[in-house]
Full PDB file with SEQRES, HELIX, SHEET, SSBOND, CRYST1, ORIGX, SCALE, CONECT and MASTER records, all heavy atoms in Angstrom:
SEQRES   1 A   37  PRO PRO ALA GLY TRP PRO LEU PRO LEU ALA VAL GLY SER          
SEQRES   2 A   37  GLY LEU GLY LEU LEU VAL ALA VAL ILE GLY GLY VAL LEU          
SEQRES   3 A   37  VAL TRP ARG ARG ARG HIS GLY ALA SER ALA MET                  
HELIX    1 AA1 PRO A    6  ARG A   29  1                                  24    
CRYST1    1.000    1.000    1.000  90.00  90.00  90.00 P 1           1          
ORIGX1      1.000000  0.000000  0.000000        0.00000                         
ORIGX2      0.000000  1.000000  0.000000        0.00000                         
ORIGX3      0.000000  0.000000  1.000000        0.00000                         
SCALE1      1.000000  0.000000  0.000000        0.00000                         
SCALE2      0.000000  1.000000  0.000000        0.00000                         
SCALE3      0.000000  0.000000  1.000000        0.00000                         
ATOM      1  N   PRO A   1     -22.441   3.617  17.644  1.00  0.00           N  
ATOM      2  CA  PRO A   1     -21.357   4.248  17.153  1.00  0.00           C  
ATOM      3  C   PRO A   1     -21.178   5.654  17.653  1.00  0.00           C  
ATOM      4  O   PRO A   1     -22.122   6.308  18.081  1.00  0.00           O  
ATOM      5  CB  PRO A   1     -21.558   4.315  15.617  1.00  0.00           C  
ATOM      6  CG  PRO A   1     -22.980   4.346  15.493  1.00  0.00           C  
ATOM      7  CD  PRO A   1     -23.578   3.636  16.595  1.00  0.00           C  
ATOM      8  N   PRO A   2     -19.921   6.204  17.697  1.00  0.00           N  
ATOM      9  CA  PRO A   2     -19.793   7.653  17.986  1.00  0.00           C  
ATOM     10  C   PRO A   2     -20.502   8.468  17.117  1.00  0.00           C  
ATOM     11  O   PRO A   2     -20.800   8.261  15.966  1.00  0.00           O  
ATOM     12  CB  PRO A   2     -18.281   7.855  18.007  1.00  0.00           C  
ATOM     13  CG  PRO A   2     -17.693   6.531  17.961  1.00  0.00           C  
ATOM     14  CD  PRO A   2     -18.668   5.607  17.380  1.00  0.00           C  
ATOM     15  N   ALA A   3     -20.831   9.777  17.492  1.00  0.00           N  
ATOM     16  CA  ALA A   3     -21.370  10.708  16.633  1.00  0.00           C  
ATOM     17  C   ALA A   3     -20.664  10.944  15.446  1.00  0.00           C  
ATOM     18  O   ALA A   3     -19.394  11.030  15.537  1.00  0.00           O  
ATOM     19  CB  ALA A   3     -21.623  12.149  17.415  1.00  0.00           C  
ATOM     20  N   GLY A   4     -21.252  11.096  14.301  1.00  0.00           N  
ATOM     21  CA  GLY A   4     -20.577  11.377  13.054  1.00  0.00           C  
ATOM     22  C   GLY A   4     -20.218  10.010  12.329  1.00  0.00           C  
ATOM     23  O   GLY A   4     -19.860  10.028  11.066  1.00  0.00           O  
ATOM     24  N   TRP A   5     -20.338   8.836  12.905  1.00  0.00           N  
ATOM     25  CA  TRP A   5     -19.979   7.664  12.285  1.00  0.00           C  
ATOM     26  C   TRP A   5     -21.173   7.068  11.377  1.00  0.00           C  
ATOM     27  O   TRP A   5     -20.861   6.384  10.448  1.00  0.00           O  
ATOM     28  CB  TRP A   5     -19.670   6.534  13.334  1.00  0.00           C  
ATOM     29  CG  TRP A   5     -18.275   6.704  13.871  1.00  0.00           C  
ATOM     30  CD1 TRP A   5     -17.549   7.845  14.098  1.00  0.00           C  
ATOM     31  CD2 TRP A   5     -17.408   5.686  14.355  1.00  0.00           C  
ATOM     32  NE1 TRP A   5     -16.274   7.573  14.715  1.00  0.00           N  
ATOM     33  CE2 TRP A   5     -16.298   6.171  14.749  1.00  0.00           C  
ATOM     34  CE3 TRP A   5     -17.621   4.253  14.413  1.00  0.00           C  
ATOM     35  CZ2 TRP A   5     -15.229   5.436  15.272  1.00  0.00           C  
ATOM     36  CZ3 TRP A   5     -16.573   3.366  15.003  1.00  0.00           C  
ATOM     37  CH2 TRP A   5     -15.343   4.110  15.414  1.00  0.00           C  
ATOM     38  N   PRO A   6     -22.434   7.304  11.800  1.00  0.00           N  
ATOM     39  CA  PRO A   6     -23.466   6.529  11.058  1.00  0.00           C  
ATOM     40  C   PRO A   6     -23.481   6.848   9.523  1.00  0.00           C  
ATOM     41  O   PRO A   6     -23.673   5.786   8.639  1.00  0.00           O  
ATOM     42  CB  PRO A   6     -24.812   7.127  11.632  1.00  0.00           C  
ATOM     43  CG  PRO A   6     -24.460   7.386  13.090  1.00  0.00           C  
ATOM     44  CD  PRO A   6     -23.031   8.041  12.904  1.00  0.00           C  
ATOM     45  N   LEU A   7     -23.362   8.011   8.987  1.00  0.00           N  
ATOM     46  CA  LEU A   7     -23.321   8.200   7.585  1.00  0.00           C  
ATOM     47  C   LEU A   7     -22.157   7.482   6.809  1.00  0.00           C  
ATOM     48  O   LEU A   7     -22.317   6.779   5.926  1.00  0.00           O  
ATOM     49  CB  LEU A   7     -23.367   9.693   7.323  1.00  0.00           C  
ATOM     50  CG  LEU A   7     -23.357  10.030   5.719  1.00  0.00           C  
ATOM     51  CD1 LEU A   7     -24.614   9.380   5.034  1.00  0.00           C  
ATOM     52  CD2 LEU A   7     -23.343  11.571   5.583  1.00  0.00           C  
ATOM     53  N   PRO A   8     -20.901   7.674   7.362  1.00  0.00           N  
ATOM     54  CA  PRO A   8     -19.833   6.999   6.647  1.00  0.00           C  
ATOM     55  C   PRO A   8     -19.911   5.444   6.779  1.00  0.00           C  
ATOM     56  O   PRO A   8     -19.639   4.732   5.863  1.00  0.00           O  
ATOM     57  CB  PRO A   8     -18.553   7.431   7.458  1.00  0.00           C  
ATOM     58  CG  PRO A   8     -18.971   8.641   8.093  1.00  0.00           C  
ATOM     59  CD  PRO A   8     -20.381   8.707   8.346  1.00  0.00           C  
ATOM     60  N   LEU A   9     -20.516   4.922   7.884  1.00  0.00           N  
ATOM     61  CA  LEU A   9     -20.803   3.460   8.013  1.00  0.00           C  
ATOM     62  C   LEU A   9     -21.760   3.108   6.882  1.00  0.00           C  
ATOM     63  O   LEU A   9     -21.679   1.996   6.300  1.00  0.00           O  
ATOM     64  CB  LEU A   9     -21.239   3.047   9.416  1.00  0.00           C  
ATOM     65  CG  LEU A   9     -20.208   3.212  10.471  1.00  0.00           C  
ATOM     66  CD1 LEU A   9     -20.788   3.040  11.900  1.00  0.00           C  
ATOM     67  CD2 LEU A   9     -18.972   2.333  10.237  1.00  0.00           C  
ATOM     68  N   ALA A  10     -22.867   3.911   6.785  1.00  0.00           N  
ATOM     69  CA  ALA A  10     -23.880   3.554   5.781  1.00  0.00           C  
ATOM     70  C   ALA A  10     -23.301   3.649   4.381  1.00  0.00           C  
ATOM     71  O   ALA A  10     -23.574   2.680   3.562  1.00  0.00           O  
ATOM     72  CB  ALA A  10     -25.065   4.438   5.911  1.00  0.00           C  
ATOM     73  N   VAL A  11     -22.528   4.539   4.115  1.00  0.00           N  
ATOM     74  CA  VAL A  11     -21.877   4.626   2.737  1.00  0.00           C  
ATOM     75  C   VAL A  11     -20.951   3.491   2.512  1.00  0.00           C  
ATOM     76  O   VAL A  11     -20.952   2.897   1.463  1.00  0.00           O  
ATOM     77  CB  VAL A  11     -21.106   5.977   2.593  1.00  0.00           C  
ATOM     78  CG1 VAL A  11     -20.243   6.023   1.376  1.00  0.00           C  
ATOM     79  CG2 VAL A  11     -22.052   7.191   2.613  1.00  0.00           C  
ATOM     80  N   GLY A  12     -20.145   3.045   3.534  1.00  0.00           N  
ATOM     81  CA  GLY A  12     -19.272   1.965   3.418  1.00  0.00           C  
ATOM     82  C   GLY A  12     -20.072   0.697   3.215  1.00  0.00           C  
ATOM     83  O   GLY A  12     -19.668  -0.132   2.408  1.00  0.00           O  
ATOM     84  N   SER A  13     -21.223   0.574   3.828  1.00  0.00           N  
ATOM     85  CA  SER A  13     -22.033  -0.660   3.755  1.00  0.00           C  
ATOM     86  C   SER A  13     -22.534  -0.731   2.166  1.00  0.00           C  
ATOM     87  O   SER A  13     -22.502  -1.793   1.552  1.00  0.00           O  
ATOM     88  CB  SER A  13     -23.300  -0.615   4.605  1.00  0.00           C  
ATOM     89  OG  SER A  13     -22.822  -0.873   5.878  1.00  0.00           O  
ATOM     90  N   GLY A  14     -22.952   0.414   1.756  1.00  0.00           N  
ATOM     91  CA  GLY A  14     -23.412   0.423   0.283  1.00  0.00           C  
ATOM     92  C   GLY A  14     -22.296   0.126  -0.592  1.00  0.00           C  
ATOM     93  O   GLY A  14     -22.503  -0.664  -1.568  1.00  0.00           O  
ATOM     94  N   LEU A  15     -21.043   0.559  -0.300  1.00  0.00           N  
ATOM     95  CA  LEU A  15     -19.929   0.239  -1.242  1.00  0.00           C  
ATOM     96  C   LEU A  15     -19.566  -1.262  -1.114  1.00  0.00           C  
ATOM     97  O   LEU A  15     -19.257  -1.887  -2.190  1.00  0.00           O  
ATOM     98  CB  LEU A  15     -18.683   1.055  -0.784  1.00  0.00           C  
ATOM     99  CG  LEU A  15     -18.718   2.610  -1.179  1.00  0.00           C  
ATOM    100  CD1 LEU A  15     -17.522   3.267  -0.568  1.00  0.00           C  
ATOM    101  CD2 LEU A  15     -18.893   2.761  -2.602  1.00  0.00           C  
ATOM    102  N   GLY A  16     -19.694  -1.793   0.062  1.00  0.00           N  
ATOM    103  CA  GLY A  16     -19.488  -3.248   0.288  1.00  0.00           C  
ATOM    104  C   GLY A  16     -20.496  -4.050  -0.566  1.00  0.00           C  
ATOM    105  O   GLY A  16     -20.179  -5.021  -1.175  1.00  0.00           O  
ATOM    106  N   LEU A  17     -21.759  -3.579  -0.547  1.00  0.00           N  
ATOM    107  CA  LEU A  17     -22.736  -4.332  -1.341  1.00  0.00           C  
ATOM    108  C   LEU A  17     -22.492  -4.258  -2.869  1.00  0.00           C  
ATOM    109  O   LEU A  17     -22.610  -5.159  -3.610  1.00  0.00           O  
ATOM    110  CB  LEU A  17     -24.162  -3.891  -0.989  1.00  0.00           C  
ATOM    111  CG  LEU A  17     -24.692  -4.253   0.393  1.00  0.00           C  
ATOM    112  CD1 LEU A  17     -26.032  -3.590   0.686  1.00  0.00           C  
ATOM    113  CD2 LEU A  17     -24.652  -5.630   0.631  1.00  0.00           C  
ATOM    114  N   LEU A  18     -21.967  -3.062  -3.276  1.00  0.00           N  
ATOM    115  CA  LEU A  18     -21.555  -2.884  -4.685  1.00  0.00           C  
ATOM    116  C   LEU A  18     -20.382  -3.766  -5.035  1.00  0.00           C  
ATOM    117  O   LEU A  18     -20.427  -4.453  -6.132  1.00  0.00           O  
ATOM    118  CB  LEU A  18     -21.114  -1.406  -4.947  1.00  0.00           C  
ATOM    119  CG  LEU A  18     -20.666  -1.024  -6.345  1.00  0.00           C  
ATOM    120  CD1 LEU A  18     -21.831  -1.252  -7.351  1.00  0.00           C  
ATOM    121  CD2 LEU A  18     -20.232   0.393  -6.357  1.00  0.00           C  
ATOM    122  N   VAL A  19     -19.403  -3.857  -4.189  1.00  0.00           N  
ATOM    123  CA  VAL A  19     -18.277  -4.806  -4.387  1.00  0.00           C  
ATOM    124  C   VAL A  19     -18.870  -6.214  -4.525  1.00  0.00           C  
ATOM    125  O   VAL A  19     -18.409  -7.017  -5.384  1.00  0.00           O  
ATOM    126  CB  VAL A  19     -17.188  -4.666  -3.242  1.00  0.00           C  
ATOM    127  CG1 VAL A  19     -16.290  -5.815  -3.364  1.00  0.00           C  
ATOM    128  CG2 VAL A  19     -16.551  -3.341  -3.360  1.00  0.00           C  
ATOM    129  N   ALA A  20     -19.741  -6.640  -3.558  1.00  0.00           N  
ATOM    130  CA  ALA A  20     -20.349  -7.932  -3.627  1.00  0.00           C  
ATOM    131  C   ALA A  20     -21.041  -8.173  -4.920  1.00  0.00           C  
ATOM    132  O   ALA A  20     -20.930  -9.271  -5.561  1.00  0.00           O  
ATOM    133  CB  ALA A  20     -21.271  -8.084  -2.444  1.00  0.00           C  
ATOM    134  N   VAL A  21     -21.871  -7.227  -5.403  1.00  0.00           N  
ATOM    135  CA  VAL A  21     -22.650  -7.425  -6.751  1.00  0.00           C  
ATOM    136  C   VAL A  21     -21.708  -7.574  -7.836  1.00  0.00           C  
ATOM    137  O   VAL A  21     -21.876  -8.437  -8.692  1.00  0.00           O  
ATOM    138  CB  VAL A  21     -23.545  -6.197  -6.901  1.00  0.00           C  
ATOM    139  CG1 VAL A  21     -24.169  -6.162  -8.324  1.00  0.00           C  
ATOM    140  CG2 VAL A  21     -24.684  -6.301  -5.842  1.00  0.00           C  
ATOM    141  N   ILE A  22     -20.618  -6.742  -7.939  1.00  0.00           N  
ATOM    142  CA  ILE A  22     -19.617  -6.905  -9.018  1.00  0.00           C  
ATOM    143  C   ILE A  22     -19.035  -8.234  -8.923  1.00  0.00           C  
ATOM    144  O   ILE A  22     -18.755  -8.867  -9.924  1.00  0.00           O  
ATOM    145  CB  ILE A  22     -18.599  -5.701  -8.888  1.00  0.00           C  
ATOM    146  CG1 ILE A  22     -19.197  -4.413  -9.266  1.00  0.00           C  
ATOM    147  CG2 ILE A  22     -17.429  -5.994  -9.884  1.00  0.00           C  
ATOM    148  CD1 ILE A  22     -18.450  -3.172  -8.934  1.00  0.00           C  
ATOM    149  N   GLY A  23     -18.592  -8.617  -7.660  1.00  0.00           N  
ATOM    150  CA  GLY A  23     -18.001  -9.922  -7.455  1.00  0.00           C  
ATOM    151  C   GLY A  23     -19.007 -11.011  -7.995  1.00  0.00           C  
ATOM    152  O   GLY A  23     -18.574 -12.000  -8.614  1.00  0.00           O  
ATOM    153  N   GLY A  24     -20.234 -10.907  -7.607  1.00  0.00           N  
ATOM    154  CA  GLY A  24     -21.198 -11.910  -8.036  1.00  0.00           C  
ATOM    155  C   GLY A  24     -21.361 -12.087  -9.558  1.00  0.00           C  
ATOM    156  O   GLY A  24     -21.459 -13.160 -10.098  1.00  0.00           O  
ATOM    157  N   VAL A  25     -21.238 -10.851 -10.240  1.00  0.00           N  
ATOM    158  CA  VAL A  25     -21.431 -10.854 -11.651  1.00  0.00           C  
ATOM    159  C   VAL A  25     -20.083 -11.652 -12.293  1.00  0.00           C  
ATOM    160  O   VAL A  25     -20.221 -12.350 -13.183  1.00  0.00           O  
ATOM    161  CB  VAL A  25     -21.506  -9.448 -12.246  1.00  0.00           C  
ATOM    162  CG1 VAL A  25     -21.283  -9.428 -13.769  1.00  0.00           C  
ATOM    163  CG2 VAL A  25     -22.817  -8.851 -11.889  1.00  0.00           C  
ATOM    164  N   LEU A  26     -18.923 -11.299 -11.654  1.00  0.00           N  
ATOM    165  CA  LEU A  26     -17.687 -11.954 -12.154  1.00  0.00           C  
ATOM    166  C   LEU A  26     -17.707 -13.385 -11.841  1.00  0.00           C  
ATOM    167  O   LEU A  26     -17.267 -14.246 -12.680  1.00  0.00           O  
ATOM    168  CB  LEU A  26     -16.497 -11.206 -11.531  1.00  0.00           C  
ATOM    169  CG  LEU A  26     -16.246  -9.868 -12.036  1.00  0.00           C  
ATOM    170  CD1 LEU A  26     -15.056  -9.233 -11.181  1.00  0.00           C  
ATOM    171  CD2 LEU A  26     -15.947  -9.898 -13.496  1.00  0.00           C  
ATOM    172  N   VAL A  27     -18.288 -13.855 -10.648  1.00  0.00           N  
ATOM    173  CA  VAL A  27     -18.405 -15.226 -10.441  1.00  0.00           C  
ATOM    174  C   VAL A  27     -19.229 -15.867 -11.357  1.00  0.00           C  
ATOM    175  O   VAL A  27     -18.851 -17.053 -11.869  1.00  0.00           O  
ATOM    176  CB  VAL A  27     -18.969 -15.448  -8.922  1.00  0.00           C  
ATOM    177  CG1 VAL A  27     -19.271 -16.931  -8.674  1.00  0.00           C  
ATOM    178  CG2 VAL A  27     -17.937 -15.013  -7.859  1.00  0.00           C  
ATOM    179  N   TRP A  28     -20.355 -15.301 -11.742  1.00  0.00           N  
ATOM    180  CA  TRP A  28     -21.270 -15.912 -12.677  1.00  0.00           C  
ATOM    181  C   TRP A  28     -20.598 -16.094 -14.099  1.00  0.00           C  
ATOM    182  O   TRP A  28     -20.677 -17.194 -14.689  1.00  0.00           O  
ATOM    183  CB  TRP A  28     -22.503 -15.001 -12.856  1.00  0.00           C  
ATOM    184  CG  TRP A  28     -23.436 -15.601 -13.878  1.00  0.00           C  
ATOM    185  CD1 TRP A  28     -23.696 -15.096 -15.170  1.00  0.00           C  
ATOM    186  CD2 TRP A  28     -24.325 -16.627 -13.754  1.00  0.00           C  
ATOM    187  NE1 TRP A  28     -24.530 -15.850 -15.896  1.00  0.00           N  
ATOM    188  CE2 TRP A  28     -24.994 -16.885 -14.986  1.00  0.00           C  
ATOM    189  CE3 TRP A  28     -24.553 -17.645 -12.758  1.00  0.00           C  
ATOM    190  CZ2 TRP A  28     -25.896 -17.907 -15.233  1.00  0.00           C  
ATOM    191  CZ3 TRP A  28     -25.492 -18.651 -12.953  1.00  0.00           C  
ATOM    192  CH2 TRP A  28     -26.197 -18.717 -14.158  1.00  0.00           C  
ATOM    193  N   ARG A  29     -19.840 -15.084 -14.470  1.00  0.00           N  
ATOM    194  CA  ARG A  29     -19.142 -15.188 -15.780  1.00  0.00           C  
ATOM    195  C   ARG A  29     -18.085 -16.201 -15.710  1.00  0.00           C  
ATOM    196  O   ARG A  29     -17.680 -16.781 -16.820  1.00  0.00           O  
ATOM    197  CB  ARG A  29     -18.534 -13.823 -16.090  1.00  0.00           C  
ATOM    198  CG  ARG A  29     -19.539 -12.810 -16.473  1.00  0.00           C  
ATOM    199  CD  ARG A  29     -18.854 -11.551 -16.921  1.00  0.00           C  
ATOM    200  NE  ARG A  29     -19.796 -10.538 -17.214  1.00  0.00           N  
ATOM    201  CZ  ARG A  29     -19.502  -9.234 -17.492  1.00  0.00           C  
ATOM    202  NH1 ARG A  29     -18.259  -8.827 -17.267  1.00  0.00           N  
ATOM    203  NH2 ARG A  29     -20.458  -8.350 -17.799  1.00  0.00           N  
ATOM    204  N   ARG A  30     -17.511 -16.493 -14.612  1.00  0.00           N  
ATOM    205  CA  ARG A  30     -16.379 -17.385 -14.424  1.00  0.00           C  
ATOM    206  C   ARG A  30     -16.753 -18.730 -13.775  1.00  0.00           C  
ATOM    207  O   ARG A  30     -15.897 -19.385 -13.244  1.00  0.00           O  
ATOM    208  CB  ARG A  30     -15.228 -16.783 -13.697  1.00  0.00           C  
ATOM    209  CG  ARG A  30     -14.791 -15.625 -14.436  1.00  0.00           C  
ATOM    210  CD  ARG A  30     -13.694 -14.777 -13.754  1.00  0.00           C  
ATOM    211  NE  ARG A  30     -13.267 -13.722 -14.555  1.00  0.00           N  
ATOM    212  CZ  ARG A  30     -12.858 -12.540 -14.153  1.00  0.00           C  
ATOM    213  NH1 ARG A  30     -12.805 -12.271 -12.783  1.00  0.00           N  
ATOM    214  NH2 ARG A  30     -12.609 -11.579 -14.936  1.00  0.00           N  
ATOM    215  N   ARG A  31     -18.025 -19.016 -13.797  1.00  0.00           N  
ATOM    216  CA  ARG A  31     -18.541 -20.209 -12.968  1.00  0.00           C  
ATOM    217  C   ARG A  31     -17.937 -21.471 -13.419  1.00  0.00           C  
ATOM    218  O   ARG A  31     -17.975 -22.469 -12.631  1.00  0.00           O  
ATOM    219  CB  ARG A  31     -20.041 -20.155 -12.944  1.00  0.00           C  
ATOM    220  CG  ARG A  31     -20.722 -20.523 -14.369  1.00  0.00           C  
ATOM    221  CD  ARG A  31     -22.185 -20.272 -14.366  1.00  0.00           C  
ATOM    222  NE  ARG A  31     -22.743 -20.398 -15.573  1.00  0.00           N  
ATOM    223  CZ  ARG A  31     -22.857 -19.378 -16.579  1.00  0.00           C  
ATOM    224  NH1 ARG A  31     -22.235 -18.140 -16.280  1.00  0.00           N  
ATOM    225  NH2 ARG A  31     -23.515 -19.612 -17.657  1.00  0.00           N  
ATOM    226  N   HIS A  32     -17.510 -21.637 -14.649  1.00  0.00           N  
ATOM    227  CA  HIS A  32     -16.900 -22.883 -15.083  1.00  0.00           C  
ATOM    228  C   HIS A  32     -15.329 -22.854 -15.073  1.00  0.00           C  
ATOM    229  O   HIS A  32     -14.661 -23.703 -15.541  1.00  0.00           O  
ATOM    230  CB  HIS A  32     -17.320 -23.176 -16.512  1.00  0.00           C  
ATOM    231  CG  HIS A  32     -18.842 -23.336 -16.522  1.00  0.00           C  
ATOM    232  ND1 HIS A  32     -19.562 -24.290 -15.946  1.00  0.00           N  
ATOM    233  CD2 HIS A  32     -19.790 -22.563 -17.318  1.00  0.00           C  
ATOM    234  CE1 HIS A  32     -20.785 -24.134 -16.222  1.00  0.00           C  
ATOM    235  NE2 HIS A  32     -20.976 -23.081 -16.954  1.00  0.00           N  
ATOM    236  N   GLY A  33     -14.755 -21.679 -14.452  1.00  0.00           N  
ATOM    237  CA  GLY A  33     -13.368 -21.598 -14.363  1.00  0.00           C  
ATOM    238  C   GLY A  33     -12.703 -22.420 -13.277  1.00  0.00           C  
ATOM    239  O   GLY A  33     -13.333 -23.080 -12.597  1.00  0.00           O  
ATOM    240  N   ALA A  34     -11.382 -22.381 -13.342  1.00  0.00           N  
ATOM    241  CA  ALA A  34     -10.543 -23.143 -12.461  1.00  0.00           C  
ATOM    242  C   ALA A  34     -10.832 -22.556 -10.990  1.00  0.00           C  
ATOM    243  O   ALA A  34     -11.140 -21.398 -10.841  1.00  0.00           O  
ATOM    244  CB  ALA A  34      -9.163 -22.957 -12.678  1.00  0.00           C  
ATOM    245  N   SER A  35     -10.639 -23.432  -9.995  1.00  0.00           N  
ATOM    246  CA  SER A  35     -10.853 -23.058  -8.617  1.00  0.00           C  
ATOM    247  C   SER A  35     -10.185 -24.073  -7.664  1.00  0.00           C  
ATOM    248  O   SER A  35     -10.119 -25.319  -8.038  1.00  0.00           O  
ATOM    249  CB  SER A  35     -12.374 -23.004  -8.179  1.00  0.00           C  
ATOM    250  OG  SER A  35     -12.495 -22.865  -6.833  1.00  0.00           O  
ATOM    251  N   ALA A  36      -9.705 -23.567  -6.588  1.00  0.00           N  
ATOM    252  CA  ALA A  36      -9.021 -24.441  -5.513  1.00  0.00           C  
ATOM    253  C   ALA A  36     -10.086 -25.377  -5.054  1.00  0.00           C  
ATOM    254  O   ALA A  36      -9.790 -26.447  -4.576  1.00  0.00           O  
ATOM    255  CB  ALA A  36      -8.461 -23.584  -4.470  1.00  0.00           C  
ATOM    256  N   MET A  37     -11.375 -24.997  -5.199  1.00  0.00           N  
ATOM    257  CA  MET A  37     -12.422 -25.875  -4.629  1.00  0.00           C  
ATOM    258  C   MET A  37     -12.778 -27.057  -5.494  1.00  0.00           C  
ATOM    259  O   MET A  37     -13.465 -27.947  -5.174  1.00  0.00           O  
ATOM    260  CB  MET A  37     -13.674 -25.083  -4.404  1.00  0.00           C  
ATOM    261  CG  MET A  37     -13.562 -23.912  -3.428  1.00  0.00           C  
ATOM    262  SD  MET A  37     -13.464 -24.424  -1.819  1.00  0.00           S  
ATOM    263  CE  MET A  37     -15.187 -24.746  -1.445  1.00  0.00           C  
TER     264      MET A  37                                                      
MASTER        0    0    0    1    0    0    0    6  263    1    0    3          
END                                                                             
């Protein structure tokens, strides 16, 4: 990456993992709910 990108990229990755964890908790809570699958 260009200079100055590594820290924002790392923060973004951390936020992505946070979104994934929150999504995982919601999936678990709704595991018996309706789905296109």
